[in-house]
Amino acid sequence: MTTNSQPSLPIDTSRAHPARVYDWLLGGKDNYPVDEAVGEQLPPQARDAARQNRQFMHRAAAWLASQGMDQFLDVGTGIPTEPNLHQIVQNIVPSAKVVYTDNDPIVLRHAEALLVSRPEGVTDYIAADVREPQDIVRHARHVLDFDRPIALSLIALMHFITDEQDAHGIARALVDTLPPGSFLVLSHAASDLFPELAEQVTAEYAKGGIQLAFRTRPEVERFFDDLDLVPPGLVTATEWGAADRMPTPEDSGIYAGVARL
């Protein structure tokens, strides 16, 4: 079954939105000229980063499902691009429950049509902002059992939250609601792997009205404070889960990790 009780919201096509720029970078069609304008000014490596990030999500979700995880809270979902998280995990655990969250109305519109669960499982969607974690958790409790382990997914999201907005505090507020045995899955753009490229990407997004807060490795590690990183630890997106795929993963400017509570 798929549950959804969110109201229809107007779509602002006058300003770029991270979810729609990401869709453009992935070759999607669910974006507007204002989003394309940002994407076209980004260096070619931005498309590689979007692909690498998506592939990391696929591998991490499949690994978690293979460990028996059957509850997922995906914050900052983005516009649906198959295979979506629920398709990956429900292919392994058909009864898995997945709650998606994003703050762009176009994501909601597509979620209603595309995020359809397998009969044995559940998918749900909430239109909410990560900067209001209490609202996300309040809604998610209607679908997910917070007395049982949950996989929290923050994929390519927290670098859109500045230090002034308390990115680490927001992530911790979500993590602190989870019971033991849960997992945090996080990917984050790096400021220290390819500094000049990071500065260029940040500047181009800023021209489109989107703030970015790329972070160093120690700053990204802080999101995993008091958690146990599973092997191979905090690595680049192309390195995580790459041991059985390629001997030498391609370069990546994205940190990625999975940790157990």
Protein backbone atom coordinates (compact mmCIF):
# COMPACT_ATOMS: atom_id res chain seq x y z
CA MET A 1 0.00 0.00 0.00
CA THR A 2 1.01 3.62 -0.41
CA THR A 3 -0.22 6.25 2.02
CA ASN A 4 -0.32 9.94 1.26
CA SER A 5 -2.41 12.73 2.75
CA GLN A 6 -0.33 15.76 1.79
CA PRO A 7 -2.05 18.81 0.29
CA SER A 8 -1.19 20.15 -3.15
CA LEU A 9 1.26 23.04 -2.95
CA PRO A 10 2.21 25.63 -5.58
CA ILE A 11 5.48 25.11 -7.46
CA ASP A 12 7.77 28.13 -7.58
CA THR A 13 9.39 28.13 -11.02
CA SER A 14 11.06 31.51 -10.51
CA ARG A 15 13.83 30.13 -8.28
CA ALA A 16 16.10 27.14 -8.68
CA HIS A 17 15.63 24.25 -6.26
CA PRO A 18 18.29 21.68 -5.29
CA ALA A 19 16.02 18.71 -6.04
CA ARG A 20 15.32 19.97 -9.56
CA VAL A 21 18.95 20.88 -10.28
CA TYR A 22 19.89 17.37 -9.13
CA ASP A 23 17.26 15.94 -11.47
CA TRP A 24 18.81 17.93 -14.35
CA LEU A 25 22.29 16.66 -13.47
CA LEU A 26 20.97 13.09 -13.60
CA GLY A 27 19.52 13.71 -17.05
CA GLY A 28 15.93 14.01 -15.84
CA LYS A 29 13.16 16.10 -17.37
CA ASP A 30 11.36 17.23 -14.20
CA ASN A 31 13.00 20.63 -13.90
CA TYR A 32 12.55 24.16 -15.17
CA PRO A 33 14.67 26.67 -17.10
CA VAL A 34 15.80 28.29 -13.86
CA ASP A 35 17.16 24.92 -12.67
CA GLU A 36 18.74 24.15 -16.03
CA ALA A 37 20.44 27.56 -15.96
CA VAL A 38 22.23 26.58 -12.76
CA GLY A 39 23.11 23.13 -14.05
CA GLU A 40 24.54 24.39 -17.31
CA GLN A 41 27.02 26.61 -15.48
CA LEU A 42 28.34 23.77 -13.33
CA PRO A 43 31.52 21.92 -14.34
CA PRO A 44 31.15 18.47 -15.96
CA GLN A 45 32.26 16.83 -12.72
CA ALA A 46 28.93 17.86 -11.16
CA ARG A 47 27.11 15.33 -13.34
CA ASP A 48 29.62 12.67 -12.31
CA ALA A 49 29.04 13.56 -8.66
CA ALA A 50 25.27 13.23 -9.02
CA ARG A 51 25.65 9.81 -10.63
CA GLN A 52 28.20 8.65 -8.03
CA ASN A 53 25.95 9.81 -5.22
CA ARG A 54 22.95 7.98 -6.64
CA GLN A 55 24.97 4.80 -7.07
CA PHE A 56 26.16 5.01 -3.46
CA MET A 57 22.54 5.25 -2.33
CA HIS A 58 21.69 2.13 -4.34
CA ARG A 59 24.54 0.11 -2.81
CA ALA A 60 23.93 1.32 0.75
CA ALA A 61 20.18 0.66 0.57
CA ALA A 62 20.73 -2.84 -0.82
CA TRP A 63 23.31 -3.59 1.88
CA LEU A 64 20.98 -2.44 4.65
CA ALA A 65 18.11 -4.51 3.30
CA SER A 66 20.43 -7.52 3.08
CA GLN A 67 21.10 -7.02 6.80
CA GLY A 68 17.37 -7.32 7.44
CA MET A 69 16.49 -3.62 7.71
CA ASP A 70 12.82 -3.18 6.88
CA GLN A 71 12.18 0.47 7.91
CA PHE A 72 13.63 3.47 6.09
CA LEU A 73 13.28 7.23 6.58
CA ASP A 74 14.65 9.03 3.52
CA VAL A 75 14.99 12.79 4.10
CA GLY A 76 15.69 14.97 1.08
CA THR A 77 14.30 12.41 -1.33
CA GLY A 78 14.59 14.37 -4.54
CA ILE A 79 12.57 13.81 -7.69
CA PRO A 80 11.93 10.09 -8.21
CA THR A 81 14.55 8.45 -10.43
CA GLU A 82 14.27 4.69 -10.89
CA PRO A 83 15.31 2.60 -9.18
CA ASN A 84 14.13 4.49 -6.11
CA LEU A 85 15.08 3.50 -2.58
CA HIS A 86 11.86 1.59 -1.91
CA GLN A 87 12.25 -0.40 -5.13
CA ILE A 88 15.73 -1.47 -4.11
CA VAL A 89 14.88 -2.47 -0.55
CA GLN A 90 11.49 -4.04 -1.31
CA ASN A 91 13.14 -6.19 -3.96
CA ILE A 92 15.09 -7.71 -1.06
CA VAL A 93 12.56 -7.25 1.79
CA PRO A 94 9.11 -7.02 0.15
CA SER A 95 7.42 -5.93 3.40
CA ALA A 96 9.77 -2.96 3.95
CA LYS A 97 8.27 0.39 4.94
CA VAL A 98 9.73 3.57 3.44
CA VAL A 99 8.88 7.15 4.35
CA TYR A 100 10.12 9.82 1.94
CA THR A 101 10.51 13.53 2.76
CA ASP A 102 11.29 16.59 0.65
CA ASN A 103 10.34 20.27 0.65
CA ASP A 104 9.79 20.81 -3.09
CA PRO A 105 6.14 20.50 -4.20
CA ILE A 106 7.19 18.98 -7.53
CA VAL A 107 8.67 16.06 -5.61
CA LEU A 108 5.32 15.55 -3.91
CA ARG A 109 3.51 15.61 -7.24
CA HIS A 110 5.75 12.93 -8.67
CA ALA A 111 5.75 10.92 -5.47
CA GLU A 112 2.00 10.55 -5.69
CA ALA A 113 2.32 8.94 -9.10
CA LEU A 114 5.59 7.03 -8.93
CA LEU A 115 6.43 6.00 -5.38
CA VAL A 116 4.12 3.00 -5.39
CA SER A 117 4.88 0.29 -2.88
CA ARG A 118 4.84 -3.46 -3.38
CA PRO A 119 1.62 -4.93 -1.97
CA GLU A 120 3.42 -6.38 1.05
CA GLY A 121 5.11 -3.10 2.00
CA VAL A 122 4.34 0.57 2.51
CA THR A 123 5.61 3.82 1.05
CA ASP A 124 4.63 7.22 2.37
CA TYR A 125 5.63 10.78 1.55
CA ILE A 126 5.67 13.94 3.63
CA ALA A 127 6.21 17.44 2.33
CA ALA A 128 8.52 18.80 5.02
CA ASP A 129 11.85 20.55 5.53
CA VAL A 130 14.83 18.89 7.21
CA ARG A 131 15.21 22.06 9.26
CA GLU A 132 12.02 21.01 11.05
CA PRO A 133 13.03 17.50 12.18
CA GLN A 134 10.26 17.27 14.76
CA ASP A 135 7.63 17.55 12.01
CA ILE A 136 9.31 14.79 10.01
CA VAL A 137 9.42 12.44 12.97
CA ARG A 138 5.85 13.23 14.00
CA HIS A 139 4.57 12.19 10.58
CA ALA A 140 6.93 9.23 10.20
CA ARG A 141 5.61 7.72 13.44
CA HIS A 142 2.31 7.07 11.65
CA VAL A 143 4.09 4.56 9.41
CA LEU A 144 7.35 3.54 11.07
CA ASP A 145 7.73 1.82 14.43
CA PHE A 146 10.27 3.88 16.37
CA ASP A 147 10.68 1.03 18.85
CA ARG A 148 12.37 -1.01 16.10
CA PRO A 149 15.51 -0.19 14.04
CA ILE A 150 15.17 2.40 11.28
CA ALA A 151 17.62 3.40 8.56
CA LEU A 152 17.83 7.19 8.33
CA SER A 153 18.99 8.37 4.91
CA LEU A 154 20.53 11.85 4.51
CA ILE A 155 21.85 11.58 0.98
CA ALA A 156 23.49 14.71 -0.51
CA LEU A 157 21.33 16.83 1.77
CA MET A 158 23.27 18.33 4.65
CA HIS A 159 25.59 20.38 2.45
CA PHE A 160 22.51 22.50 1.70
CA ILE A 161 22.28 23.34 5.42
CA THR A 162 24.77 25.90 6.68
CA ASP A 163 26.53 25.96 10.03
CA GLU A 164 24.39 28.98 10.94
CA GLN A 165 21.34 26.77 10.42
CA ASP A 166 22.96 24.15 12.68
CA ALA A 167 23.40 21.30 10.23
CA HIS A 168 24.97 18.98 12.81
CA GLY A 169 22.30 19.76 15.38
CA ILE A 170 19.51 19.02 12.89
CA ALA A 171 21.01 15.68 11.93
CA ARG A 172 21.53 14.80 15.60
CA ALA A 173 17.90 15.67 16.38
CA LEU A 174 16.81 13.07 13.83
CA VAL A 175 19.34 10.46 14.94
CA ASP A 176 18.38 10.87 18.60
CA THR A 177 14.82 9.73 17.86
CA LEU A 178 16.04 6.37 16.54
CA PRO A 179 16.28 3.21 18.67
CA PRO A 180 19.44 1.10 19.06
CA GLY A 181 20.24 -1.00 16.02
CA SER A 182 19.26 1.79 13.64
CA PHE A 183 21.56 3.17 10.95
CA LEU A 184 22.54 6.56 9.55
CA VAL A 185 23.34 6.69 5.82
CA LEU A 186 24.91 9.97 4.78
CA SER A 187 26.70 11.44 1.78
CA HIS A 188 28.11 14.95 1.72
CA ALA A 189 30.03 17.14 -0.72
CA ALA A 190 33.66 17.67 0.28
CA SER A 191 35.43 21.01 0.47
CA ASP A 192 38.90 19.51 0.90
CA LEU A 193 39.19 16.86 -1.82
CA PHE A 194 39.01 19.16 -4.84
CA PRO A 195 38.95 22.66 -3.31
CA GLU A 196 38.91 24.69 -6.53
CA LEU A 197 36.07 22.61 -7.93
CA ALA A 198 34.13 22.94 -4.68
CA GLU A 199 34.50 26.72 -4.78
CA GLN A 200 33.30 26.85 -8.39
CA VAL A 201 30.24 24.71 -7.70
CA THR A 202 29.40 26.73 -4.59
CA ALA A 203 29.64 29.99 -6.53
CA GLU A 204 27.39 28.79 -9.36
CA TYR A 205 24.72 27.51 -6.99
CA ALA A 206 24.86 30.84 -5.13
CA LYS A 207 24.10 32.68 -8.38
CA GLY A 208 20.92 30.60 -8.56
CA GLY A 209 19.98 31.52 -5.00
CA ILE A 210 21.02 28.20 -3.45
CA GLN A 211 23.40 28.15 -0.50
CA LEU A 212 25.95 25.36 -0.25
CA ALA A 213 28.10 24.38 2.71
CA PHE A 214 30.68 21.88 1.49
CA ARG A 215 32.65 20.46 4.45
CA THR A 216 36.00 18.93 5.28
CA ARG A 217 36.41 15.32 6.28
CA PRO A 218 36.52 16.10 10.04
CA GLU A 219 33.38 18.23 9.65
CA VAL A 220 31.56 15.40 7.88
CA GLU A 221 32.79 12.90 10.48
CA ARG A 222 30.97 14.96 13.12
CA PHE A 223 27.64 13.76 11.70
CA PHE A 224 28.67 10.27 12.84
CA ASP A 225 29.73 11.23 16.37
CA ASP A 226 28.98 8.44 18.87
CA LEU A 227 27.97 6.09 16.05
CA ASP A 228 29.84 3.03 14.78
CA LEU A 229 30.86 3.40 11.15
CA VAL A 230 30.59 0.12 9.28
CA PRO A 231 33.47 -0.87 6.97
CA PRO A 232 34.98 0.72 5.00
CA GLY A 233 34.18 3.75 7.20
CA LEU A 234 33.92 7.29 5.91
CA VAL A 235 35.26 7.17 2.36
CA THR A 236 34.39 8.70 -1.00
CA ALA A 237 31.09 7.75 -2.61
CA THR A 238 32.78 5.59 -5.23
CA GLU A 239 34.82 3.71 -2.62
CA TRP A 240 31.90 2.68 -0.40
CA GLY A 241 30.89 -0.86 -1.35
CA ALA A 242 33.33 -0.83 -4.24
CA ALA A 243 35.54 -3.75 -3.23
CA ASP A 244 33.57 -6.24 -5.32
CA ARG A 245 32.97 -3.83 -8.22
CA MET A 246 36.28 -2.35 -9.32
CA PRO A 247 39.87 -2.49 -8.10
CA THR A 248 40.36 1.28 -8.48
CA PRO A 249 37.23 3.40 -7.98
CA GLU A 250 36.97 6.65 -9.92
CA ASP A 251 37.73 9.93 -8.19
CA SER A 252 34.89 11.49 -6.24
CA GLY A 253 34.37 14.74 -4.34
CA ILE A 254 31.69 13.23 -2.11
CA TYR A 255 32.19 11.67 1.31
CA ALA A 256 29.91 8.76 2.17
CA GLY A 257 29.36 6.50 5.13
CA VAL A 258 26.96 4.18 6.92
CA ALA A 259 26.94 3.94 10.71
CA ARG A 260 25.10 1.88 13.31
CA LEU A 261 23.57 3.36 16.42
